[in-house]
């Protein structure tokens, strides 16, 4: 029987991603999906998701204020309380990603080494950030072309993290929840979050289409110019597959 465990908080240790050391982000995500906390005797307490997952997703991306579960510590989070978390637009994931994209663009133009955080950002999304950035700089575009992708990239990163969390949590819940009813209740929370976020994913399909169009346009532009400079710069960043 599990004891002294916060099921969702514990799953964060199994996800090695860009946000893994960001306590506020993890508290926000836990507030979106809910959790089960077991006391010293193995008695479970369910913490329901706070508010609508899609609304919280929008706040996480673009700023706002939400009531979240604030952990009492960063290790086990066994006694969280409800607290307001204000996020400015710059503190939202879109703003943070945009700032980093601009820095990566500047470094691509000056052939400067990336920081570990910038490398982690590149590795945490399916979007080929480094390829787009270097190609855009090589053909003389300004950084707005790359920074305009910030919201889509931020959404993709958050969605990837949440999907990973839900998958790990759902897998870990099997056989650890005390009764069939607890198992059913927790899984229903996870399914509800996934369903709500899938609606947002459908709406950002427009951005996906725009990204594909940008990719085609950039490819056509590169065909008219020598790719030697871009490929040379790219070779300086020996990590990942972007």
Protein backbone atom coordinates (compact mmCIF):
# COMPACT_ATOMS: atom_id res chain seq x y z
CA UNK A 1 0.00 0.00 0.00
CA UNK A 2 1.47 3.39 -0.95
CA UNK A 3 2.30 5.69 1.95
CA UNK A 4 3.41 9.34 2.08
CA UNK A 5 3.11 9.75 -1.68
CA UNK A 6 1.77 12.44 -3.98
CA UNK A 7 1.06 10.41 -7.11
CA UNK A 8 1.26 13.22 -9.67
CA UNK A 9 4.21 15.00 -8.04
CA UNK A 10 6.11 11.73 -7.93
CA UNK A 11 5.66 11.19 -11.67
CA UNK A 12 7.53 14.43 -12.39
CA UNK A 13 10.74 12.65 -11.35
CA UNK A 14 10.20 10.27 -14.28
CA UNK A 15 9.97 13.04 -16.87
CA UNK A 16 13.31 14.50 -17.90
CA UNK A 17 12.23 17.46 -19.98
CA UNK A 18 12.78 21.20 -20.35
CA UNK A 19 10.45 21.99 -17.43
CA UNK A 20 11.68 19.31 -15.04
CA UNK A 21 13.33 21.78 -12.62
CA UNK A 22 10.62 24.45 -12.79
CA UNK A 23 8.66 24.10 -9.54
CA UNK A 24 5.98 26.67 -10.40
CA UNK A 25 5.36 25.00 -13.75
CA UNK A 26 4.97 21.58 -12.11
CA UNK A 27 2.58 23.00 -9.50
CA UNK A 28 0.55 24.51 -12.34
CA UNK A 29 0.42 21.21 -14.22
CA UNK A 30 -0.52 19.28 -11.08
CA UNK A 31 -3.35 21.77 -10.60
CA UNK A 32 -4.56 21.03 -14.12
CA UNK A 33 -4.60 17.24 -13.78
CA UNK A 34 -5.24 16.77 -10.05
CA UNK A 35 -3.55 14.16 -7.89
CA UNK A 36 -3.92 11.53 -5.18
CA UNK A 37 -2.03 11.99 -1.90
CA UNK A 38 -1.50 9.07 0.50
CA UNK A 39 -0.86 9.76 4.18
CA UNK A 40 1.37 7.77 6.55
CA UNK A 41 -1.36 5.16 6.96
CA UNK A 42 -1.97 4.76 3.25
CA UNK A 43 -5.28 6.66 3.27
CA UNK A 44 -5.83 8.47 -0.05
CA UNK A 45 -7.01 12.05 -0.57
CA UNK A 46 -8.07 13.15 -4.03
CA UNK A 47 -7.25 16.69 -5.16
CA UNK A 48 -9.52 17.55 -8.06
CA UNK A 49 -8.22 19.56 -11.05
CA UNK A 50 -8.48 23.29 -10.46
CA UNK A 51 -10.86 25.00 -12.89
CA UNK A 52 -11.07 24.20 -16.60
CA UNK A 53 -7.95 22.63 -18.03
CA UNK A 54 -8.22 24.54 -21.29
CA UNK A 55 -8.59 27.88 -19.51
CA UNK A 56 -5.56 27.08 -17.35
CA UNK A 57 -3.66 26.03 -20.47
CA UNK A 58 -4.34 29.44 -22.01
CA UNK A 59 -3.12 31.16 -18.83
CA UNK A 60 0.01 29.05 -18.76
CA UNK A 61 0.77 30.00 -22.35
CA UNK A 62 -0.10 33.69 -22.36
CA UNK A 63 -0.36 34.89 -18.77
CA UNK A 64 -3.15 35.58 -16.28
CA UNK A 65 -3.98 34.56 -12.71
CA UNK A 66 -5.05 31.10 -11.55
CA UNK A 67 -5.63 29.41 -8.22
CA UNK A 68 -3.21 26.50 -8.06
CA UNK A 69 -1.99 23.87 -5.63
CA UNK A 70 1.15 25.32 -4.02
CA UNK A 71 3.42 22.63 -2.56
CA UNK A 72 4.71 22.81 1.02
CA UNK A 73 8.09 21.57 -0.24
CA UNK A 74 9.77 20.64 -3.51
CA UNK A 75 10.42 17.00 -2.61
CA UNK A 76 7.23 15.18 -1.70
CA UNK A 77 4.47 17.84 -1.81
CA UNK A 78 2.30 16.01 0.70
CA UNK A 79 0.50 19.09 2.08
CA UNK A 80 -0.25 21.48 -0.80
CA UNK A 81 -2.44 24.54 -0.24
CA UNK A 82 -4.47 26.65 -2.66
CA UNK A 83 -2.80 29.91 -3.67
CA UNK A 84 -3.06 32.53 -6.41
CA UNK A 85 -0.39 32.40 -9.10
CA UNK A 86 -0.21 35.54 -11.25
CA UNK A 87 1.67 35.21 -14.53
CA UNK A 88 2.50 38.23 -16.64
CA UNK A 89 2.51 37.85 -20.41
CA UNK A 90 6.31 37.71 -20.35
CA UNK A 91 6.22 34.98 -17.69
CA UNK A 92 3.82 32.84 -19.73
CA UNK A 93 5.33 30.01 -21.73
CA UNK A 94 4.86 31.83 -25.04
CA UNK A 95 6.78 34.87 -23.80
CA UNK A 96 9.55 32.75 -22.34
CA UNK A 97 9.91 30.72 -25.52
CA UNK A 98 9.86 33.88 -27.66
CA UNK A 99 12.73 35.41 -25.67
CA UNK A 100 14.78 32.26 -26.03
CA UNK A 101 14.06 32.00 -29.76
CA UNK A 102 15.27 35.56 -30.23
CA UNK A 103 18.47 34.74 -28.35
CA UNK A 104 18.99 31.59 -30.44
CA UNK A 105 18.43 33.62 -33.62
CA UNK A 106 21.03 36.22 -32.55
CA UNK A 107 23.51 33.46 -31.78
CA UNK A 108 22.88 31.82 -35.14
CA UNK A 109 23.77 35.10 -36.86
CA UNK A 110 26.94 35.55 -34.80
CA UNK A 111 27.87 31.85 -34.72
CA UNK A 112 27.85 31.86 -30.89
CA UNK A 113 27.50 28.72 -28.77
CA UNK A 114 24.11 27.96 -27.23
CA UNK A 115 23.47 27.67 -23.49
CA UNK A 116 22.33 24.41 -21.94
CA UNK A 117 18.84 25.86 -21.46
CA UNK A 118 18.64 26.77 -25.14
CA UNK A 119 19.75 23.27 -26.11
CA UNK A 120 17.11 21.82 -23.78
CA UNK A 121 14.44 24.00 -25.41
CA UNK A 122 15.43 22.76 -28.86
CA UNK A 123 15.35 19.15 -27.73
CA UNK A 124 11.96 19.43 -26.04
CA UNK A 125 9.77 20.07 -29.09
CA UNK A 126 9.11 18.37 -32.41
CA UNK A 127 9.52 21.72 -34.16
CA UNK A 128 12.91 21.97 -35.87
CA UNK A 129 13.85 25.18 -34.09
CA UNK A 130 17.55 25.13 -34.87
CA UNK A 131 17.07 24.35 -38.55
CA UNK A 132 14.46 27.10 -38.97
CA UNK A 133 16.52 29.62 -37.02
CA UNK A 134 19.77 29.05 -38.88
CA UNK A 135 18.08 28.91 -42.28
CA UNK A 136 16.16 32.13 -41.60
CA UNK A 137 19.33 33.93 -40.50
CA UNK A 138 21.24 32.58 -43.51
CA UNK A 139 18.77 33.93 -46.06
CA UNK A 140 18.58 37.36 -44.44
CA UNK A 141 15.21 37.16 -42.68
CA UNK A 142 14.73 38.98 -39.37
CA UNK A 143 14.06 37.28 -36.07
CA UNK A 144 10.32 38.02 -36.13
CA UNK A 145 9.93 35.12 -38.56
CA UNK A 146 11.18 32.72 -35.90
CA UNK A 147 9.65 34.41 -32.85
CA UNK A 148 6.22 34.24 -34.52
CA UNK A 149 6.38 30.49 -33.97
CA UNK A 150 6.65 30.96 -30.18
CA UNK A 151 3.03 30.24 -29.24
CA UNK A 152 2.86 27.09 -31.32
CA UNK A 153 6.19 25.84 -29.95
CA UNK A 154 5.15 26.66 -26.36
CA UNK A 155 1.86 24.82 -26.83
CA UNK A 156 3.64 21.84 -28.36
CA UNK A 157 6.10 21.67 -25.45
CA UNK A 158 3.40 21.93 -22.78
CA UNK A 159 1.21 19.37 -24.53
CA UNK A 160 4.12 16.95 -24.85
CA UNK A 161 4.86 17.33 -21.16
CA UNK A 162 1.25 16.85 -20.11
CA UNK A 163 0.83 13.81 -22.33
CA UNK A 164 3.98 12.31 -20.85
CA UNK A 165 2.75 13.04 -17.35
CA UNK A 166 -0.68 11.55 -18.02
CA UNK A 167 0.82 8.42 -19.56
CA UNK A 168 3.22 7.87 -16.66
CA UNK A 169 0.61 8.68 -14.03
CA UNK A 170 -1.99 6.40 -15.60
CA UNK A 171 0.52 3.58 -15.85
CA UNK A 172 1.74 4.13 -12.32
CA UNK A 173 -1.80 4.26 -10.96
CA UNK A 174 -2.50 0.68 -12.00
CA UNK A 175 -1.96 -1.51 -8.99
CA UNK A 176 -1.13 1.36 -6.61
CA UNK A 177 -4.56 2.83 -5.95
CA UNK A 178 -6.23 1.13 -3.02
CA UNK A 179 -9.60 0.30 -4.57
CA UNK A 180 -11.17 -0.05 -7.99
CA UNK A 181 -13.26 3.07 -7.30
CA UNK A 182 -10.16 5.18 -6.60
CA UNK A 183 -8.52 3.88 -9.75
CA UNK A 184 -11.61 4.72 -11.81
CA UNK A 185 -11.90 8.20 -10.28
CA UNK A 186 -8.27 9.12 -10.93
CA UNK A 187 -8.30 7.81 -14.49
CA UNK A 188 -11.47 9.76 -15.22
CA UNK A 189 -9.68 12.96 -14.17
CA UNK A 190 -6.84 12.17 -16.55
CA UNK A 191 -9.19 11.41 -19.44
CA UNK A 192 -11.09 14.65 -18.86
CA UNK A 193 -7.91 16.72 -19.02
CA UNK A 194 -6.80 14.96 -22.18
CA UNK A 195 -10.19 15.56 -23.82
CA UNK A 196 -10.22 19.26 -22.94
CA UNK A 197 -6.71 19.83 -24.21
CA UNK A 198 -7.41 17.96 -27.43
CA UNK A 199 -9.97 20.67 -28.25
CA UNK A 200 -7.24 23.29 -27.95
CA UNK A 201 -4.94 21.16 -30.09
CA UNK A 202 -7.58 21.16 -32.81
CA UNK A 203 -7.66 24.96 -32.73
CA UNK A 204 -3.90 25.33 -33.05
CA UNK A 205 -4.06 23.22 -36.19
CA UNK A 206 -4.08 26.54 -38.04
CA UNK A 207 -0.66 27.27 -36.56
CA UNK A 208 0.53 23.83 -37.61
CA UNK A 209 -0.60 24.56 -41.14
CA UNK A 210 1.17 27.91 -41.01
CA UNK A 211 4.34 26.20 -39.79
CA UNK A 212 4.19 23.75 -42.69
CA UNK A 213 3.73 26.62 -45.14
CA UNK A 214 6.68 28.47 -43.60
CA UNK A 215 8.76 25.31 -43.93
CA UNK A 216 7.94 25.03 -47.63
CA UNK A 217 8.61 28.71 -48.26
CA UNK A 218 11.94 28.56 -46.45
CA UNK A 219 12.91 25.46 -48.39
CA UNK A 220 12.19 27.20 -51.70
CA UNK A 221 14.22 30.22 -50.63
CA UNK A 222 17.17 28.08 -49.64
CA UNK A 223 17.15 26.38 -53.04
CA UNK A 224 17.95 29.75 -54.58
CA UNK A 225 20.92 30.34 -52.31
CA UNK A 226 23.99 28.40 -51.24
CA UNK A 227 23.32 26.38 -48.10
CA UNK A 228 27.01 26.22 -47.17
CA UNK A 229 26.81 28.97 -44.54
CA UNK A 230 23.73 27.47 -42.88
CA UNK A 231 25.18 23.97 -42.87
CA UNK A 232 28.47 25.26 -41.48
CA UNK A 233 26.73 27.01 -38.59
CA UNK A 234 24.54 23.99 -37.93
CA UNK A 235 27.61 21.79 -37.65
CA UNK A 236 28.76 23.85 -34.68
CA UNK A 237 25.86 22.60 -32.58
CA UNK A 238 26.59 18.93 -32.01
CA UNK A 239 23.52 17.72 -30.13
CA UNK A 240 20.06 16.35 -30.80
CA UNK A 241 18.58 15.98 -34.24
CA UNK A 242 17.22 19.47 -34.85
